[in-house]
């Protein structure tokens, strides 16, 4: 039995066992190491193999000329959606309409990149803007939910509490396409997300592991539902109609999205046919004016206002973030060495404190109170998580 004091959890995070091949740590859900220290995720990894250009071109030929625009390409201002738009215009020669769902949680970097990329590619762009009333409701819901989270933290509710803006984005895009008479939606951020950028650990603590394309069985969906329902009922801060309505709509769409989709819209995932390669993506989009954020080394999710705080919570509760997961996948795919991945993680983990502090002011939470809540919660959570791994934390 290895024993740490409650005051030395940060030391544990520094020392904790990680896979000797990738970066995944002992706090990653469901992880098991073999005698060589290699994790089960590395041992079961199968190379990601997209369907390829031939099949993609065949589908695109069928889409061309069916309406004023061949398809909609969602763009968030992030790296993937910017790359998808560039490829659809320059490589695949599609007449596209670029569309952004503006739910009120985009960062300035997103707006700047959207403007620059669409202008330089000479692409028509439209915003689907939430009403001011809707944005205010969403932001107020986040404020209330996060105050409740600080009172009763849970590893399972970080995303639904803080990421209120994207629960119905797919449906919004579909409804917009139907109104415009556009018969196809192809994307890199809303539809067809890359297998590299799926965050399995965020549901893994509930014991739910979808496939690499983020597809769930009905049983997994039901498990998510009742787990979240229990989390909802445990926290009285959720007992407001606007929050209940937000969750109810999100779950209905998660379970039955196909029933709500307009008829006659075709959905095509860019990354189902194209291999995701970070170096190529960044080189391509920087040539057309895309820029990262000045306050972080990561180029991932620099457009989304929710993620600086989300990553701060995960880093301080389990000692890693989504960056450890994506770099681990890149290691398995021989896109990056383990040494380079570790170095990048150390930099990418540095919190975006300016954004975090602004969020905490908006939510009426003092950072000292947040950190105190995290420290109290992670003590019990880590003891439960690591009990079978002969690691124990004692209070001091």
Protein backbone atom coordinates (compact mmCIF):
# COMPACT_ATOMS: atom_id res chain seq x y z
CA UNK A 1 0.00 0.00 0.00
CA UNK A 2 1.38 3.41 -1.02
CA UNK A 3 0.15 6.20 1.25
CA UNK A 4 -0.01 9.91 0.48
CA UNK A 5 -1.26 12.68 2.72
CA UNK A 6 -4.16 14.86 1.62
CA UNK A 7 -1.68 17.75 1.47
CA UNK A 8 0.51 15.93 -1.06
CA UNK A 9 -1.95 15.04 -3.79
CA UNK A 10 -0.14 17.35 -6.20
CA UNK A 11 3.04 15.39 -5.46
CA UNK A 12 1.14 12.20 -6.28
CA UNK A 13 0.09 13.66 -9.63
CA UNK A 14 3.74 14.37 -10.41
CA UNK A 15 4.84 10.85 -9.45
CA UNK A 16 1.82 8.79 -10.51
CA UNK A 17 2.30 5.85 -12.82
CA UNK A 18 1.79 6.50 -16.50
CA UNK A 19 1.77 4.09 -19.40
CA UNK A 20 5.32 3.50 -20.61
CA UNK A 21 4.16 3.76 -24.22
CA UNK A 22 1.59 6.58 -24.10
CA UNK A 23 0.80 9.20 -21.44
CA UNK A 24 -2.33 7.84 -19.79
CA UNK A 25 -2.00 7.87 -15.98
CA UNK A 26 -3.23 5.54 -13.28
CA UNK A 27 -6.17 7.92 -12.66
CA UNK A 28 -7.54 7.34 -16.17
CA UNK A 29 -10.82 5.37 -15.97
CA UNK A 30 -10.58 1.65 -16.62
CA UNK A 31 -6.82 1.66 -17.08
CA UNK A 32 -4.77 -1.48 -16.45
CA UNK A 33 -0.99 -1.85 -16.93
CA UNK A 34 0.77 -5.02 -18.03
CA UNK A 35 4.13 -6.24 -16.69
CA UNK A 36 5.99 -3.82 -18.95
CA UNK A 37 3.85 -0.91 -17.78
CA UNK A 38 1.94 -0.62 -21.06
CA UNK A 39 -1.74 0.24 -20.67
CA UNK A 40 -4.69 -1.75 -21.97
CA UNK A 41 -5.61 1.09 -24.35
CA UNK A 42 -2.26 0.78 -26.11
CA UNK A 43 -2.43 -3.01 -26.14
CA UNK A 44 -5.89 -3.01 -27.73
CA UNK A 45 -5.23 -0.14 -30.16
CA UNK A 46 -6.04 -0.70 -33.81
CA UNK A 47 -4.71 1.73 -36.39
CA UNK A 48 -7.24 4.35 -37.44
CA UNK A 49 -8.08 3.70 -41.07
CA UNK A 50 -10.48 6.14 -42.80
CA UNK A 51 -12.65 5.05 -45.71
CA UNK A 52 -10.52 7.05 -48.15
CA UNK A 53 -10.71 9.64 -50.91
CA UNK A 54 -12.25 7.41 -53.59
CA UNK A 55 -15.41 6.83 -51.57
CA UNK A 56 -15.46 10.45 -50.45
CA UNK A 57 -15.22 11.79 -54.02
CA UNK A 58 -18.02 9.48 -55.12
CA UNK A 59 -20.33 10.89 -52.46
CA UNK A 60 -19.35 14.49 -53.18
CA UNK A 61 -20.08 14.05 -56.89
CA UNK A 62 -23.63 13.09 -55.97
CA UNK A 63 -23.99 16.17 -53.75
CA UNK A 64 -22.83 18.72 -56.31
CA UNK A 65 -25.44 20.93 -57.87
CA UNK A 66 -28.41 19.69 -55.86
CA UNK A 67 -29.08 23.18 -54.45
CA UNK A 68 -27.56 26.66 -54.42
CA UNK A 69 -24.82 25.33 -52.13
CA UNK A 70 -23.52 21.78 -52.36
CA UNK A 71 -23.31 21.47 -48.60
CA UNK A 72 -22.97 23.28 -45.30
CA UNK A 73 -19.59 23.20 -43.57
CA UNK A 74 -19.80 24.17 -39.89
CA UNK A 75 -16.95 26.37 -38.68
CA UNK A 76 -16.24 27.23 -35.05
CA UNK A 77 -12.94 29.05 -35.56
CA UNK A 78 -11.03 26.08 -34.17
CA UNK A 79 -8.32 24.23 -36.03
CA UNK A 80 -10.31 21.23 -37.31
CA UNK A 81 -13.31 23.05 -38.69
CA UNK A 82 -11.03 25.61 -40.37
CA UNK A 83 -9.11 22.79 -42.03
CA UNK A 84 -12.25 21.00 -43.17
CA UNK A 85 -13.54 24.19 -44.77
CA UNK A 86 -10.22 24.78 -46.54
CA UNK A 87 -10.14 21.21 -47.86
CA UNK A 88 -13.72 21.26 -49.08
CA UNK A 89 -13.07 24.45 -51.04
CA UNK A 90 -9.55 23.90 -52.39
CA UNK A 91 -9.13 20.13 -52.68
CA UNK A 92 -12.68 18.91 -53.24
CA UNK A 93 -13.91 22.00 -55.16
CA UNK A 94 -17.26 22.13 -53.41
CA UNK A 95 -19.55 25.15 -53.41
CA UNK A 96 -20.04 25.43 -49.66
CA UNK A 97 -21.83 27.65 -47.20
CA UNK A 98 -19.85 28.06 -43.98
CA UNK A 99 -22.09 28.23 -40.91
CA UNK A 100 -21.38 29.01 -37.27
CA UNK A 101 -23.75 28.34 -34.39
CA UNK A 102 -23.14 31.28 -32.07
CA UNK A 103 -24.46 30.21 -28.67
CA UNK A 104 -22.73 32.99 -26.75
CA UNK A 105 -19.72 30.94 -25.61
CA UNK A 106 -17.27 31.64 -28.43
CA UNK A 107 -13.99 33.38 -27.59
CA UNK A 108 -12.60 36.39 -29.52
CA UNK A 109 -10.07 34.08 -31.19
CA UNK A 110 -12.98 32.18 -32.73
CA UNK A 111 -14.60 35.23 -34.31
CA UNK A 112 -11.26 36.45 -35.65
CA UNK A 113 -10.41 33.10 -37.23
CA UNK A 114 -13.88 32.68 -38.70
CA UNK A 115 -13.66 36.09 -40.33
CA UNK A 116 -10.12 35.57 -41.62
CA UNK A 117 -10.61 32.03 -42.95
CA UNK A 118 -13.90 32.66 -44.75
CA UNK A 119 -12.58 35.89 -46.26
CA UNK A 120 -9.32 34.34 -47.49
CA UNK A 121 -11.17 31.34 -48.94
CA UNK A 122 -13.81 33.63 -50.49
CA UNK A 123 -16.57 31.58 -48.87
CA UNK A 124 -20.00 32.86 -47.92
CA UNK A 125 -20.57 32.60 -44.19
CA UNK A 126 -23.67 32.75 -41.99
CA UNK A 127 -24.13 32.88 -38.22
CA UNK A 128 -26.96 31.05 -36.50
CA UNK A 129 -27.20 33.35 -33.52
CA UNK A 130 -29.05 32.51 -30.36
CA UNK A 131 -31.31 35.32 -29.22
CA UNK A 132 -30.01 37.61 -26.50
CA UNK A 133 -32.64 36.17 -24.16
CA UNK A 134 -31.53 32.60 -24.92
CA UNK A 135 -27.85 33.44 -24.42
CA UNK A 136 -28.61 35.14 -21.11
CA UNK A 137 -30.64 32.11 -20.00
CA UNK A 138 -27.80 29.71 -20.89
CA UNK A 139 -25.22 31.83 -19.12
CA UNK A 140 -27.40 32.22 -16.06
CA UNK A 141 -27.94 28.46 -16.02
CA UNK A 142 -24.18 27.90 -16.08
CA UNK A 143 -23.79 30.38 -13.24
CA UNK A 144 -26.37 28.56 -11.09
CA UNK A 145 -25.15 25.07 -12.03
CA UNK A 146 -21.53 25.88 -11.33
CA UNK A 147 -22.34 27.35 -7.93
CA UNK A 148 -24.14 24.10 -7.22
CA UNK A 149 -21.16 22.13 -8.51
CA UNK A 150 -18.81 23.95 -6.14
CA UNK A 151 -21.13 23.00 -3.26
CA UNK A 152 -21.44 19.38 -4.43
CA UNK A 153 -18.66 18.53 -6.90
CA UNK A 154 -18.83 15.51 -9.19
CA UNK A 155 -16.37 14.25 -11.79
CA UNK A 156 -19.33 13.25 -13.97
CA UNK A 157 -21.03 16.63 -14.22
CA UNK A 158 -18.17 18.93 -15.22
CA UNK A 159 -19.17 18.87 -18.90
CA UNK A 160 -22.98 19.22 -18.58
CA UNK A 161 -22.53 21.99 -15.99
CA UNK A 162 -20.08 24.14 -17.94
CA UNK A 163 -20.69 23.26 -21.59
CA UNK A 164 -24.27 24.45 -21.92
CA UNK A 165 -23.83 25.94 -25.37
CA UNK A 166 -23.48 22.86 -27.54
CA UNK A 167 -26.26 20.52 -26.46
CA UNK A 168 -28.47 21.25 -29.48
CA UNK A 169 -25.96 22.54 -32.04
CA UNK A 170 -26.36 19.60 -34.43
CA UNK A 171 -30.11 20.07 -34.52
CA UNK A 172 -29.81 23.84 -35.02
CA UNK A 173 -27.54 23.20 -38.01
CA UNK A 174 -29.97 20.67 -39.49
CA UNK A 175 -32.95 23.00 -39.14
CA UNK A 176 -31.00 25.82 -40.75
CA UNK A 177 -30.02 23.58 -43.68
CA UNK A 178 -33.66 22.61 -44.23
CA UNK A 179 -34.78 26.25 -44.23
CA UNK A 180 -32.11 27.13 -46.78
CA UNK A 181 -32.89 24.17 -49.00
CA UNK A 182 -29.39 22.73 -48.58
CA UNK A 183 -29.47 18.95 -48.62
CA UNK A 184 -26.14 18.03 -47.00
CA UNK A 185 -24.13 18.92 -43.90
CA UNK A 186 -20.47 18.07 -43.68
CA UNK A 187 -18.29 19.03 -40.77
CA UNK A 188 -15.24 18.81 -38.63
CA UNK A 189 -16.48 20.28 -35.40
CA UNK A 190 -20.20 19.56 -35.11
CA UNK A 191 -20.66 16.51 -37.30
CA UNK A 192 -17.98 13.93 -38.00
CA UNK A 193 -15.55 14.76 -35.20
CA UNK A 194 -12.16 13.10 -35.54
CA UNK A 195 -11.57 9.88 -33.62
CA UNK A 196 -8.41 11.50 -32.24
CA UNK A 197 -10.37 14.20 -30.46
CA UNK A 198 -13.01 12.13 -28.71
CA UNK A 199 -12.61 12.43 -24.92
CA UNK A 200 -13.42 8.97 -23.66
CA UNK A 201 -12.40 9.66 -20.06
CA UNK A 202 -15.19 12.19 -19.57
CA UNK A 203 -17.78 9.41 -19.70
CA UNK A 204 -15.37 6.70 -18.59
CA UNK A 205 -15.78 7.57 -14.92
CA UNK A 206 -19.40 6.48 -15.34
CA UNK A 207 -18.25 3.21 -16.87
CA UNK A 208 -19.35 4.18 -20.40
CA UNK A 209 -16.92 3.67 -23.27
CA UNK A 210 -18.30 4.27 -26.81
CA UNK A 211 -16.42 3.20 -29.93
CA UNK A 212 -13.73 5.39 -31.50
CA UNK A 213 -16.35 7.25 -33.57
CA UNK A 214 -18.35 8.20 -30.45
CA UNK A 215 -21.17 5.78 -31.18
CA UNK A 216 -23.17 4.39 -28.25
CA UNK A 217 -25.29 1.34 -27.75
CA UNK A 218 -28.78 1.95 -26.40
CA UNK A 219 -27.68 0.39 -23.10
CA UNK A 220 -24.81 2.88 -22.83
CA UNK A 221 -27.13 5.77 -23.56
CA UNK A 222 -29.54 4.60 -20.91
CA UNK A 223 -26.70 4.29 -18.39
CA UNK A 224 -25.66 7.87 -19.15
CA UNK A 225 -29.26 8.97 -18.68
CA UNK A 226 -29.83 7.46 -15.27
CA UNK A 227 -26.35 8.46 -14.03
CA UNK A 228 -26.98 12.07 -15.02
CA UNK A 229 -30.53 11.91 -13.65
CA UNK A 230 -29.14 10.86 -10.27
CA UNK A 231 -26.55 13.65 -10.39
CA UNK A 232 -29.31 16.11 -11.29
CA UNK A 233 -31.53 15.06 -8.41
CA UNK A 234 -28.67 15.15 -5.88
CA UNK A 235 -28.08 18.87 -6.36
CA UNK A 236 -30.91 21.26 -5.38
CA UNK A 237 -29.26 24.03 -7.44
CA UNK A 238 -30.68 22.21 -10.47
CA UNK A 239 -34.26 22.63 -9.29
CA UNK A 240 -35.13 25.44 -11.69
CA UNK A 241 -37.33 25.14 -14.74
CA UNK A 242 -34.79 26.68 -17.15
CA UNK A 243 -32.13 24.18 -16.06
CA UNK A 244 -34.56 21.25 -16.17
CA UNK A 245 -35.62 22.34 -19.66
CA UNK A 246 -32.01 22.59 -20.83
CA UNK A 247 -31.14 19.12 -19.60
CA UNK A 248 -34.38 17.60 -20.88
CA UNK A 249 -33.84 18.96 -24.40
CA UNK A 250 -30.22 17.83 -24.37
CA UNK A 251 -31.10 14.27 -23.31
CA UNK A 252 -33.99 13.98 -25.76
CA UNK A 253 -31.72 15.00 -28.61
CA UNK A 254 -28.94 12.71 -27.38
CA UNK A 255 -31.30 9.73 -27.34
CA UNK A 256 -33.59 10.52 -30.25
CA UNK A 257 -31.84 13.09 -32.45
CA UNK A 258 -32.78 11.27 -35.65
CA UNK A 259 -36.46 11.74 -34.81
CA UNK A 260 -36.00 15.52 -34.55
CA UNK A 261 -33.91 15.96 -37.68
CA UNK A 262 -35.57 17.47 -40.75
CA UNK A 263 -36.17 14.97 -43.53
CA UNK A 264 -33.99 14.92 -46.61
CA UNK A 265 -30.75 16.17 -45.05
CA UNK A 266 -27.65 14.05 -45.61
CA UNK A 267 -24.93 13.95 -42.94
CA UNK A 268 -21.34 13.30 -43.89
CA UNK A 269 -18.35 13.08 -41.53
CA UNK A 270 -15.18 14.46 -43.09
CA UNK A 271 -12.94 12.48 -40.74
CA UNK A 272 -14.66 9.23 -41.61
CA UNK A 273 -12.93 9.52 -44.98
CA UNK A 274 -9.81 11.57 -44.19
CA UNK A 275 -6.99 10.79 -41.78
CA UNK A 276 -6.52 13.35 -39.00
CA UNK A 277 -2.92 14.58 -38.84
CA UNK A 278 -2.17 17.52 -36.57
CA UNK A 279 1.02 18.73 -38.27
CA UNK A 280 -0.61 18.80 -41.69
CA UNK A 281 -3.72 20.50 -40.35
CA UNK A 282 -1.81 23.29 -38.62
CA UNK A 283 0.51 23.91 -41.57
CA UNK A 284 -2.46 24.17 -43.92
CA UNK A 285 -4.63 26.51 -41.88
CA UNK A 286 -1.80 28.81 -40.87
CA UNK A 287 -1.17 29.42 -44.56
CA UNK A 288 -4.67 30.92 -44.84
CA UNK A 289 -4.40 33.09 -41.73
CA UNK A 290 -5.54 30.91 -38.84
CA UNK A 291 -4.04 31.88 -35.48
CA UNK A 292 -3.93 30.23 -32.09
CA UNK A 293 -4.43 31.98 -28.76
CA UNK A 294 -1.70 34.14 -27.22
CA UNK A 295 -2.19 32.79 -23.69
CA UNK A 296 -1.72 29.06 -24.33
CA UNK A 297 0.51 26.68 -26.27
CA UNK A 298 -2.32 24.34 -27.21
CA UNK A 299 -4.06 24.80 -30.55
CA UNK A 300 -7.05 22.70 -29.52
CA UNK A 301 -10.36 24.28 -28.44
CA UNK A 302 -8.91 27.77 -28.35
CA UNK A 303 -12.31 28.94 -29.63
CA UNK A 304 -14.50 27.60 -26.80
CA UNK A 305 -14.95 29.68 -23.63
CA UNK A 306 -15.95 26.66 -21.52
CA UNK A 307 -12.75 24.65 -21.84
CA UNK A 308 -10.18 26.66 -19.87
CA UNK A 309 -12.20 26.06 -16.71
CA UNK A 310 -13.14 22.50 -17.69
CA UNK A 311 -9.49 21.56 -18.15
CA UNK A 312 -8.55 23.30 -14.89
CA UNK A 313 -11.04 21.13 -12.99
CA UNK A 314 -9.89 17.85 -14.53
CA UNK A 315 -6.22 18.72 -14.05
CA UNK A 316 -6.72 19.42 -10.37
CA UNK A 317 -9.02 16.46 -9.67
CA UNK A 318 -7.37 13.62 -11.63
CA UNK A 319 -4.03 15.14 -12.65
CA UNK A 320 -4.52 15.13 -16.42
CA UNK A 321 -6.62 16.73 -19.15
CA UNK A 322 -7.89 15.99 -22.63
CA UNK A 323 -4.40 16.82 -23.92
CA UNK A 324 -2.97 13.67 -22.32
CA UNK A 325 -5.59 11.64 -24.15
CA UNK A 326 -5.13 13.12 -27.61
CA UNK A 327 -1.33 12.97 -27.39
CA UNK A 328 -1.59 9.34 -26.29
CA UNK A 329 -3.58 8.58 -29.44
CA UNK A 330 -1.03 10.45 -31.52
CA UNK A 331 1.75 8.37 -29.93
CA UNK A 332 -0.07 5.16 -30.83
CA UNK A 333 -0.42 6.41 -34.39
CA UNK A 334 3.29 7.33 -34.57
CA UNK A 335 2.56 11.02 -35.09
CA UNK A 336 4.57 12.12 -32.06
CA UNK A 337 7.12 10.67 -29.65
CA UNK A 338 6.30 10.10 -26.01
CA UNK A 339 9.03 12.54 -24.97
CA UNK A 340 7.64 15.30 -27.17
CA UNK A 341 4.11 14.56 -25.98
CA UNK A 342 5.16 14.86 -22.32
CA UNK A 343 6.88 18.16 -23.03
CA UNK A 344 3.83 19.53 -24.82
CA UNK A 345 1.48 18.39 -22.05
CA UNK A 346 3.50 20.28 -19.44
CA UNK A 347 2.97 23.46 -21.44
CA UNK A 348 -0.63 22.79 -22.52
CA UNK A 349 -1.65 22.07 -18.94
CA UNK A 350 -0.86 25.62 -17.87
CA UNK A 351 -4.25 27.18 -17.07
CA UNK A 352 -5.62 30.09 -19.08
CA UNK A 353 -6.05 32.11 -15.91
CA UNK A 354 -7.32 35.28 -17.55
CA UNK A 355 -10.34 33.46 -18.97
CA UNK A 356 -10.81 31.35 -15.84
CA UNK A 357 -10.75 34.40 -13.59
CA UNK A 358 -13.32 36.17 -15.77
CA UNK A 359 -15.57 33.11 -15.59
CA UNK A 360 -15.27 32.90 -11.81
CA UNK A 361 -16.17 36.59 -11.47
CA UNK A 362 -19.20 36.05 -13.72
CA UNK A 363 -20.24 33.03 -11.66
CA UNK A 364 -19.69 34.79 -8.33
CA UNK A 365 -17.12 32.23 -7.17
CA UNK A 366 -13.81 33.11 -5.50
CA UNK A 367 -10.92 31.00 -6.75
CA UNK A 368 -9.89 30.10 -3.18
CA UNK A 369 -13.37 28.68 -2.58
CA UNK A 370 -13.20 26.71 -5.83
CA UNK A 371 -9.79 25.25 -4.96
CA UNK A 372 -10.99 24.35 -1.47
CA UNK A 373 -13.96 22.52 -2.95
CA UNK A 374 -11.71 20.67 -5.41
CA UNK A 375 -9.26 19.64 -2.69
CA UNK A 376 -12.02 18.29 -0.46
CA UNK A 377 -13.72 16.39 -3.29
CA UNK A 378 -10.65 14.83 -4.88
CA UNK A 379 -9.50 13.33 -1.56
CA UNK A 380 -12.53 11.06 -1.38
CA UNK A 381 -12.80 10.54 -5.13
CA UNK A 382 -9.17 9.46 -5.57
CA UNK A 383 -9.37 7.11 -2.59
CA UNK A 384 -12.36 5.40 -4.19
CA UNK A 385 -10.83 5.41 -7.68
CA UNK A 386 -7.45 4.02 -6.59
CA UNK A 387 -8.56 1.66 -3.82
CA UNK A 388 -7.91 -1.47 -5.89
CA UNK A 389 -4.54 -0.12 -6.99
CA UNK A 390 -3.18 -0.06 -3.42
CA UNK A 391 -2.94 3.72 -3.22
CA UNK A 392 -4.44 5.56 -0.30
CA UNK A 393 -4.70 9.18 0.78
CA UNK A 394 -4.98 10.09 4.47
CA UNK A 395 -6.09 13.41 5.91
CA UNK A 396 -3.58 15.68 7.59
